[in-house]
Amino acid sequence: MAAPFVVSPPERKKLQNMARSRSLRSEDSRRARIILALATGSSLRTVSAEQQCSVNTVRLWRDRFIADRLAGIYSRHRGKAPDKNAEKLAARIIDWTLHRKPGNGATQWSTRTLAAALQTSQSRVARVWAKSGLQPHRLRRYKASNDPDFESKAADVIGLYLKPPLNAAVFCVDEKTAIQALDRLDPVLPLSPGRAERHGFEYYRHGTLSLYAALDTLSGEVLGKTTERHTSAEFVAFLEELIATQAAKKEIHVIVDNLSAHKTKRVAEFLQNNPRVKMHYTPTYSSWLNQIEIWFSKIQRDLITRGIFTSKADLKRKILKYIGHHNRTAQPFKWTYRNLAKRTKRSVSTDSLH
């Protein structure tokens, strides 16, 4: 018979939770079941048969529980002796990752190529990279602005977002050009468990449309219009439609990029004839400051990339339907500027937009 011992109510509750747990390791749950079975007076041999382990295993955990209670049923590993050269090797891994190139002609290290060069394990390199936040396999591209007036232009645009003029409307305007009306030649195979939605490789082009859009920074609503072309005349026509939606004496601020179609003689004449419209140009190569680009990326993901359009008319209908749905639940983008120490330096990245 097993040596008699008493399990207190708190200990029994803890052991029962461990025995039923699906997140613990199976060994820990089995040890809890062993102790609970022994506490009922079952013999060592009976418990070993029930738990499919040796009698010595049951005896071991019984004795440990009697000696140390709940603390005694957890594993005791002596562990591996610390590697005296671990810190030096980690520093060498980081140094090679940052300052050397592979000798095989590759442009960046992989865990295996660096491990082979340093005669260590691939898992060690992976752990050092993860701990130090190094990701040599990733690449991000950027375009630095060469605009000498970058700071003043950026501050002007950001000021309209953070503190717009009273009783005025602020719109972010741009055009998304060459949207293709693509029709798949093969049927779409739908999403199913374990399998992504599949589109046929071949498609038929029905032509392209351009989308002019204006984002109201106060409400988040979008005014959109599709056209066959994207010329200065189309741009001015869209601006005329935009101001027609506003009160007659309301001041209108329009944020646009530096596309040549936005700076023609026709645009200058429009601004002269409509003095209440103020045009604000983003710095060169800084169209990310225009919030309409955020919305363009959203419609690209939601509709255009995987959409199937049987004609340009079908493409237009679906775009306008998407805009209508967007406006029913529209919310403004929250503009935050994380690094106040840098103000509007050229190193501002798209992480400033949310």
Protein backbone atom coordinates (compact mmCIF):
# COMPACT_ATOMS: atom_id res chain seq x y z
CA MET A 1 0.00 0.00 0.00
CA ALA A 2 1.11 3.58 -0.63
CA ALA A 3 2.37 5.54 2.33
CA PRO A 4 -0.57 7.50 3.72
CA PHE A 5 -0.54 11.26 3.32
CA VAL A 6 -3.13 14.04 3.41
CA VAL A 7 -3.82 16.51 0.61
CA SER A 8 -5.23 19.81 1.84
CA PRO A 9 -8.26 21.37 0.09
CA PRO A 10 -6.18 24.14 -1.61
CA GLU A 11 -3.64 21.52 -2.76
CA ARG A 12 -6.41 19.27 -4.05
CA LYS A 13 -7.96 22.13 -6.02
CA LYS A 14 -4.59 22.99 -7.58
CA LEU A 15 -3.90 19.34 -8.44
CA GLN A 16 -7.36 18.93 -9.99
CA ASN A 17 -6.82 22.02 -12.16
CA MET A 18 -3.45 20.65 -13.27
CA ALA A 19 -4.93 17.23 -14.04
CA ARG A 20 -7.64 18.76 -16.24
CA SER A 21 -5.47 21.41 -17.91
CA ARG A 22 -4.95 21.30 -21.67
CA SER A 23 -2.18 23.88 -21.67
CA LEU A 24 0.23 22.14 -19.29
CA ARG A 25 2.72 19.55 -20.45
CA SER A 26 1.32 16.02 -20.30
CA GLU A 27 3.97 15.00 -17.71
CA ASP A 28 2.82 17.71 -15.29
CA SER A 29 -0.82 16.69 -15.64
CA ARG A 30 0.06 13.02 -15.09
CA ARG A 31 2.00 13.82 -11.90
CA ALA A 32 -1.06 15.63 -10.55
CA ARG A 33 -3.22 12.59 -11.34
CA ILE A 34 -0.69 10.32 -9.61
CA ILE A 35 -0.84 12.36 -6.39
CA LEU A 36 -4.65 12.54 -6.46
CA ALA A 37 -4.88 8.77 -6.95
CA LEU A 38 -2.42 8.07 -4.11
CA ALA A 39 -4.37 10.39 -1.83
CA THR A 40 -7.39 8.09 -2.19
CA GLY A 41 -5.31 5.20 -0.79
CA SER A 42 -4.60 3.41 -4.08
CA SER A 43 -1.45 1.28 -4.14
CA LEU A 44 1.68 2.16 -6.06
CA ARG A 45 1.11 -0.71 -8.46
CA THR A 46 -2.53 0.26 -9.09
CA VAL A 47 -1.63 3.87 -9.80
CA SER A 48 1.25 2.84 -12.10
CA ALA A 49 -1.14 0.67 -14.12
CA GLU A 50 -3.74 3.45 -14.36
CA GLN A 51 -1.21 6.10 -15.41
CA GLN A 52 0.81 3.72 -17.61
CA CYS A 53 4.14 4.38 -15.90
CA SER A 54 6.52 2.40 -13.71
CA VAL A 55 6.09 1.82 -9.99
CA ASN A 56 9.37 3.64 -9.41
CA THR A 57 7.95 6.73 -11.16
CA VAL A 58 4.91 6.72 -8.86
CA ARG A 59 7.14 6.25 -5.82
CA LEU A 60 9.43 9.11 -6.93
CA TRP A 61 6.64 11.69 -7.22
CA ARG A 62 4.94 10.46 -4.06
CA ASP A 63 8.13 10.99 -2.05
CA ARG A 64 8.78 14.38 -3.62
CA PHE A 65 5.25 15.52 -2.85
CA ILE A 66 5.50 14.39 0.76
CA ALA A 67 8.83 16.23 1.11
CA ASP A 68 8.08 19.46 -0.78
CA ARG A 69 4.29 19.40 -1.36
CA LEU A 70 3.22 21.07 -4.63
CA ALA A 71 6.71 22.37 -5.38
CA GLY A 72 7.98 18.80 -5.43
CA ILE A 73 5.97 17.64 -8.44
CA TYR A 74 7.67 19.99 -10.90
CA SER A 75 10.63 18.83 -12.96
CA ARG A 76 14.13 19.42 -11.67
CA HIS A 77 16.71 19.86 -14.38
CA ARG A 78 20.30 20.61 -13.61
CA GLY A 79 20.45 22.58 -16.84
CA LYS A 80 23.32 23.14 -19.18
CA ALA A 81 26.49 24.78 -17.99
CA PRO A 82 26.72 28.36 -19.27
CA ASP A 83 28.87 28.86 -22.35
CA LYS A 84 31.76 31.14 -21.43
CA ASN A 85 32.14 32.28 -25.04
CA ALA A 86 28.43 32.93 -25.65
CA GLU A 87 28.65 36.72 -25.29
CA LYS A 88 31.70 36.98 -27.52
CA LEU A 89 30.06 34.83 -30.17
CA ALA A 90 26.85 36.86 -30.02
CA ALA A 91 28.84 40.07 -30.48
CA ARG A 92 30.66 38.52 -33.42
CA ILE A 93 27.36 37.43 -35.02
CA ILE A 94 25.99 40.97 -34.71
CA ASP A 95 29.22 42.51 -36.04
CA TRP A 96 29.32 40.25 -39.10
CA THR A 97 25.62 40.81 -39.76
CA LEU A 98 26.01 44.59 -39.73
CA HIS A 99 29.41 45.09 -41.29
CA ARG A 100 30.24 42.17 -43.58
CA LYS A 101 28.81 40.57 -46.69
CA PRO A 102 28.69 36.84 -47.49
CA GLY A 103 31.54 35.51 -49.55
CA ASN A 104 29.25 33.56 -51.88
CA GLY A 105 28.08 36.63 -53.80
CA ALA A 106 24.78 36.99 -51.89
CA THR A 107 23.70 40.47 -50.81
CA GLN A 108 22.71 39.51 -47.26
CA TRP A 109 23.28 36.78 -44.71
CA SER A 110 20.91 33.96 -43.91
CA THR A 111 21.07 32.15 -40.59
CA ARG A 112 22.63 29.13 -42.28
CA THR A 113 25.28 30.96 -44.30
CA LEU A 114 26.37 33.01 -41.28
CA ALA A 115 26.37 29.94 -39.06
CA ALA A 116 28.62 28.15 -41.54
CA ALA A 117 30.98 31.14 -41.75
CA LEU A 118 31.28 31.39 -37.97
CA GLN A 119 31.22 27.62 -37.39
CA THR A 120 28.24 27.71 -35.07
CA SER A 121 24.64 26.52 -35.23
CA GLN A 122 21.91 28.04 -37.30
CA SER A 123 19.61 28.14 -34.25
CA ARG A 124 22.18 30.19 -32.30
CA VAL A 125 22.37 32.77 -35.08
CA ALA A 126 18.57 32.91 -35.20
CA ARG A 127 18.36 33.48 -31.43
CA VAL A 128 20.95 36.28 -31.51
CA TRP A 129 19.16 37.98 -34.41
CA ALA A 130 15.79 37.72 -32.66
CA LYS A 131 17.18 39.10 -29.38
CA SER A 132 18.93 42.02 -31.10
CA GLY A 133 16.07 42.77 -33.50
CA LEU A 134 18.12 42.12 -36.66
CA GLN A 135 16.23 41.05 -39.80
CA PRO A 136 18.68 40.90 -42.74
CA HIS A 137 16.08 39.26 -44.98
CA ARG A 138 13.83 42.35 -44.90
CA LEU A 139 14.12 45.39 -47.12
CA ARG A 140 12.20 48.66 -47.14
CA ARG A 141 12.52 51.32 -49.81
CA TYR A 142 12.24 55.07 -49.40
CA LYS A 143 12.47 58.23 -51.46
CA ALA A 144 14.08 61.23 -49.84
CA SER A 145 12.57 64.61 -50.63
CA ASN A 146 14.90 67.06 -52.38
CA ASP A 147 12.51 69.96 -51.91
CA PRO A 148 14.41 72.94 -50.38
CA ASP A 149 11.12 74.12 -48.84
CA PHE A 150 10.27 70.71 -47.39
CA GLU A 151 9.84 71.84 -43.81
CA SER A 152 7.60 74.83 -44.52
CA LYS A 153 5.39 72.86 -46.94
CA ALA A 154 5.13 69.88 -44.62
CA ALA A 155 4.31 72.11 -41.67
CA ASP A 156 1.60 73.82 -43.75
CA VAL A 157 -0.06 70.48 -44.60
CA ILE A 158 0.29 69.02 -41.11
CA GLY A 159 -1.13 72.22 -39.64
CA LEU A 160 -4.28 71.77 -41.75
CA TYR A 161 -4.69 68.30 -40.25
CA LEU A 162 -3.98 69.17 -36.64
CA LYS A 163 -5.62 72.58 -36.47
CA PRO A 164 -7.76 73.35 -39.53
CA PRO A 165 -9.06 76.92 -40.03
CA LEU A 166 -12.40 77.72 -38.46
CA ASN A 167 -15.47 77.50 -40.72
CA ALA A 168 -13.39 76.07 -43.55
CA ALA A 169 -13.28 72.72 -45.35
CA VAL A 170 -10.05 70.78 -45.88
CA PHE A 171 -9.90 68.21 -48.67
CA CYS A 172 -7.12 65.85 -49.70
CA VAL A 173 -7.36 65.41 -53.47
CA ASP A 174 -5.59 63.15 -55.94
CA GLU A 175 -6.25 60.81 -58.83
CA LYS A 176 -5.68 57.07 -59.00
CA THR A 177 -4.84 56.47 -62.63
CA ALA A 178 -4.97 53.47 -64.95
CA ILE A 179 -7.30 51.28 -62.90
CA GLN A 180 -7.72 48.22 -65.10
CA ALA A 181 -11.09 46.58 -65.64
CA LEU A 182 -9.80 43.00 -65.54
CA ASP A 183 -12.06 40.04 -66.18
CA ARG A 184 -10.78 36.55 -65.32
CA LEU A 185 -10.98 34.00 -68.11
CA ASP A 186 -11.14 31.07 -65.66
CA PRO A 187 -13.65 30.71 -62.83
CA VAL A 188 -12.59 31.79 -59.35
CA LEU A 189 -12.10 28.84 -56.99
CA PRO A 190 -13.52 29.92 -53.63
CA LEU A 191 -11.86 29.96 -50.23
CA SER A 192 -12.05 26.68 -48.34
CA PRO A 193 -10.48 25.28 -45.13
CA GLY A 194 -6.73 25.01 -45.67
CA ARG A 195 -6.86 26.55 -49.15
CA ALA A 196 -6.72 30.17 -50.26
CA GLU A 197 -9.04 31.68 -52.85
CA ARG A 198 -7.57 31.02 -56.31
CA HIS A 199 -7.79 33.18 -59.43
CA GLY A 200 -6.86 32.06 -62.89
CA PHE A 201 -3.61 33.40 -64.26
CA GLU A 202 -5.13 34.62 -67.54
CA TYR A 203 -7.40 37.64 -67.76
CA TYR A 204 -9.07 39.91 -70.29
CA ARG A 205 -8.58 43.69 -70.27
CA HIS A 206 -11.68 45.84 -70.79
CA GLY A 207 -9.77 49.13 -70.58
CA THR A 208 -8.83 51.52 -67.80
CA LEU A 209 -10.39 54.32 -65.78
CA SER A 210 -8.98 57.06 -63.58
CA LEU A 211 -10.49 57.81 -60.21
CA TYR A 212 -10.52 61.38 -58.87
CA ALA A 213 -11.17 61.45 -55.14
CA ALA A 214 -11.40 64.10 -52.43
CA LEU A 215 -11.20 63.12 -48.76
CA ASP A 216 -12.89 65.44 -46.26
CA THR A 217 -10.39 65.44 -43.38
CA LEU A 218 -13.07 66.47 -40.88
CA SER A 219 -15.61 63.72 -41.61
CA GLY A 220 -13.56 61.11 -43.48
CA GLU A 221 -16.11 61.05 -46.31
CA VAL A 222 -14.93 60.75 -49.91
CA LEU A 223 -16.22 62.40 -53.05
CA GLY A 224 -15.27 60.35 -56.09
CA LYS A 225 -15.53 60.58 -59.85
CA THR A 226 -14.25 58.23 -62.57
CA THR A 227 -12.98 59.49 -65.93
CA GLU A 228 -11.54 58.05 -69.11
CA ARG A 229 -8.49 60.34 -68.96
CA HIS A 230 -6.50 62.22 -66.33
CA THR A 231 -5.76 65.66 -67.71
CA SER A 232 -5.73 69.14 -66.26
CA ALA A 233 -9.21 69.71 -67.70
CA GLU A 234 -10.55 66.66 -65.84
CA PHE A 235 -8.85 67.82 -62.65
CA VAL A 236 -10.40 71.29 -62.86
CA ALA A 237 -13.81 69.79 -63.61
CA PHE A 238 -13.51 67.66 -60.49
CA LEU A 239 -12.56 70.69 -58.40
CA GLU A 240 -15.64 72.50 -59.70
CA GLU A 241 -17.82 69.59 -58.63
CA LEU A 242 -16.08 69.58 -55.25
CA ILE A 243 -16.69 73.25 -54.46
CA ALA A 244 -20.29 72.91 -55.61
CA THR A 245 -20.89 70.64 -52.60
CA GLN A 246 -19.86 73.40 -50.17
CA ALA A 247 -21.60 76.57 -48.98
CA ALA A 248 -21.15 79.56 -51.29
CA LYS A 249 -18.89 81.59 -48.99
CA LYS A 250 -17.06 78.74 -47.28
CA GLU A 251 -13.28 78.73 -47.55
CA ILE A 252 -11.91 75.53 -49.10
CA HIS A 253 -8.38 74.21 -48.64
CA VAL A 254 -7.21 71.56 -51.11
CA ILE A 255 -4.11 69.43 -50.49
CA VAL A 256 -2.56 67.97 -53.65
CA ASP A 257 0.80 66.62 -54.81
CA ASN A 258 3.13 68.10 -57.41
CA LEU A 259 1.74 66.38 -60.51
CA SER A 260 2.11 68.63 -63.55
CA ALA A 261 -1.65 68.45 -64.21
CA HIS A 262 -2.18 70.22 -60.87
CA LYS A 263 -0.11 73.26 -61.85
CA THR A 264 -1.26 74.17 -65.37
CA LYS A 265 -2.54 77.46 -66.67
CA ARG A 266 -6.08 76.07 -66.52
CA VAL A 267 -5.67 75.36 -62.80
CA ALA A 268 -4.27 78.87 -62.22
CA GLU A 269 -7.29 80.37 -63.96
CA PHE A 270 -9.63 78.26 -61.83
CA LEU A 271 -7.95 79.48 -58.63
CA GLN A 272 -8.14 83.09 -59.84
CA ASN A 273 -11.86 82.71 -60.53
CA ASN A 274 -12.44 80.98 -57.18
CA PRO A 275 -10.48 82.94 -54.56
CA ARG A 276 -12.05 80.99 -51.71
CA VAL A 277 -10.15 77.89 -52.87
CA LYS A 278 -6.62 77.63 -51.45
CA MET A 279 -4.25 75.07 -52.96
CA HIS A 280 -1.60 73.45 -50.75
CA TYR A 281 1.11 71.40 -52.45
CA THR A 282 2.95 68.65 -50.61
CA PRO A 283 6.76 68.71 -50.80
CA THR A 284 8.43 66.93 -53.71
CA TYR A 285 8.40 63.12 -53.35
CA SER A 286 6.18 63.43 -50.26
CA SER A 287 2.76 62.42 -51.50
CA TRP A 288 2.49 60.25 -48.36
CA LEU A 289 1.61 63.50 -46.56
CA ASN A 290 -1.67 63.48 -48.51
CA GLN A 291 -4.23 61.47 -46.55
CA ILE A 292 -6.10 60.44 -49.69
CA GLU A 293 -3.21 58.04 -50.34
CA ILE A 294 -4.26 56.10 -47.24
CA TRP A 295 -7.76 55.74 -48.62
CA PHE A 296 -6.40 54.77 -52.07
CA SER A 297 -4.45 51.93 -50.47
CA LYS A 298 -7.66 50.80 -48.74
CA ILE A 299 -9.75 50.66 -51.92
CA GLN A 300 -6.86 48.92 -53.66
CA ARG A 301 -6.85 46.15 -51.03
CA ASP A 302 -10.61 45.90 -50.63
CA LEU A 303 -11.79 46.11 -54.24
CA ILE A 304 -9.31 46.59 -57.05
CA THR A 305 -6.64 43.94 -56.46
CA ARG A 306 -9.00 40.95 -56.44
CA GLY A 307 -11.99 42.48 -58.20
CA ILE A 308 -13.50 41.04 -61.37
CA PHE A 309 -14.89 43.64 -63.77
CA THR A 310 -16.76 42.72 -66.92
CA SER A 311 -16.48 46.22 -68.42
CA LYS A 312 -15.43 49.76 -67.63
CA ALA A 313 -19.04 50.50 -66.72
CA ASP A 314 -18.95 47.61 -64.24
CA LEU A 315 -15.68 48.94 -62.78
CA LYS A 316 -17.20 52.42 -62.39
CA ARG A 317 -20.34 51.05 -60.75
CA LYS A 318 -18.39 49.00 -58.22
CA ILE A 319 -16.05 51.88 -57.36
CA LEU A 320 -18.94 54.27 -56.73
CA LYS A 321 -20.75 51.59 -54.72
CA TYR A 322 -17.64 51.13 -52.58
CA ILE A 323 -17.44 54.89 -51.98
CA GLY A 324 -21.10 54.95 -50.98
CA HIS A 325 -20.59 52.17 -48.43
CA HIS A 326 -17.48 53.91 -47.11
CA ASN A 327 -19.31 57.20 -46.56
CA ARG A 328 -22.05 55.56 -44.49
CA THR A 329 -19.55 54.70 -41.74
CA ALA A 330 -16.77 57.17 -42.58
CA GLN A 331 -14.41 58.37 -39.86
CA PRO A 332 -11.51 60.81 -40.17
CA PHE A 333 -7.95 59.57 -40.06
CA LYS A 334 -6.20 60.35 -36.79
CA TRP A 335 -3.04 62.29 -37.53
CA THR A 336 -0.25 61.72 -35.00
CA TYR A 337 3.35 62.79 -35.09
CA ARG A 338 5.44 60.47 -32.96
CA ASN A 339 8.85 62.11 -32.83
CA LEU A 340 8.27 65.67 -31.71
CA ALA A 341 12.01 66.25 -31.39
CA LYS A 342 12.40 66.02 -35.16
CA ARG A 343 9.49 68.33 -35.92
CA THR A 344 9.15 68.25 -39.72
CA LYS A 345 12.64 67.05 -40.64
CA ARG A 346 13.14 65.24 -43.92
CA SER A 347 13.45 61.93 -42.11
CA VAL A 348 9.71 61.84 -41.33
CA SER A 349 8.37 58.43 -42.45
CA THR A 350 4.96 57.04 -43.31
CA ASP A 351 4.70 55.69 -39.76
CA SER A 352 3.41 59.16 -38.88
CA LEU A 353 0.15 58.38 -40.67
CA HIS A 354 -2.58 56.34 -38.97
